[in-house]
Amino acid sequence: MASHNMTWLNYPSKNFASSSPEEIEAFIASQNIISRLMHCYIAFFVPTGLTAGICILIVLIKNYLQHKSMEQLDLLLLHFTISNIIMIFLSFTVIPRPDYLKATHLACSILSFFFNFSYFNSQYVLLFILLILLLKRFLPMTALCKATQNPVSCVAFVLIYAFCLSLTEAVLVGTDNYHVETECQSDPLFAWPEYEIIKFTFGFGIPAFLQILSFTVLFAKKAPAEAEDLRQHIRTYAAVFIISITIFICHLFYNVMILFRTTLKLQKSNGTPTNELMMNIAEIVLFAESCTTLVFILCFHKPCKERILQVIHNCRRRNSTHNHLEIPV
């Protein structure tokens, strides 16, 4: 493993000193791409994601107040929604791009802790949701069935597990130069190589394997005779399957870039402006995924979809009522 002294690391855009016109043009082009992507994300994805997240919270909480109870799936989706809303607020750190947020090493480590906490939270609560859907379709094992009967226990387990992983990642950011100001990202550049390796293993490798295993069981295993049809099962829980695929694709790209940055660290290289551009794109894609999944939940999760359709229907009825007012003679 490479030395843990990361003081030599720097962003290529911060030590760019090339006299070649072609390299200067490529550098300017990459900076323009980062800036435009940031503006597109802030202008379109953030308002859409926050609006969808707030609507989901209102619908699920209102349903709970009306029925004095909440289904397993709804409680886990509520937890998933809160994690993604926190992730969207943390994504405001991309506003200075193509420059970076200025903060001390300590402040950057704290930011990284909360970012990773939301990241691991959403990943593992999605795995519990997939597990519950599998148990709904297949005859469950007794111990496994009992373990998922109480969604509050599932949420508590995810919170504790995510906290431990995030704390481990905060330690791997490094313990030196806490008072020194630096350029800060959600995944700090100056973190030890183990930081990215642990994040890839527990934040993508294991969840992706379990996710693929869940889909394999769903499509390959024969369901009991009394179970509903597979196509009907997928339509009933369309939101979960759509966000699972979306998260897998976005996190795959993000984690490939994370591993590539680790390779550069082990090679004692700062990389090129193109490498920096791809890492910035991967970070923005990850934040955009949080917004997109909230929109999918709002549009495809049955309680949310029914409530939205009811609101639209009421608005149309009111408009038609106003348009058909009789004019007195």
Foldseek 3Di string as FASTA:
>chain_A
DDDLPLPLADACVVPPDDPDPVQVVVLVVLQVVLQVLLCCCVVPLLVLLVVLLVLLLVLQVVVCVVVVDHDLLSVLVNQLSVLLNLLSVLVCQSVPPVFFDKDFLQVLLVLLLSNQLSLQLNLQSLLLNLVVLLVLFAPDDPVSCVCSPDSVNVSVVSNVVSNVLSVVLSPQQDDPRRVDMDGHDSNGLSGALVSLVSCCVSSAVVSVVSLVVSVCCLPPPDTDPPGDDSVVSCQQVVLSVVLSVLQNVLVVQQSVLSVVSSVCVVVVHNDHSVSVSSNSVSSSSNSSSSSVSSVSCCCRNVSNVVVVVVVVVVVVVVVVVVVPDDDDD
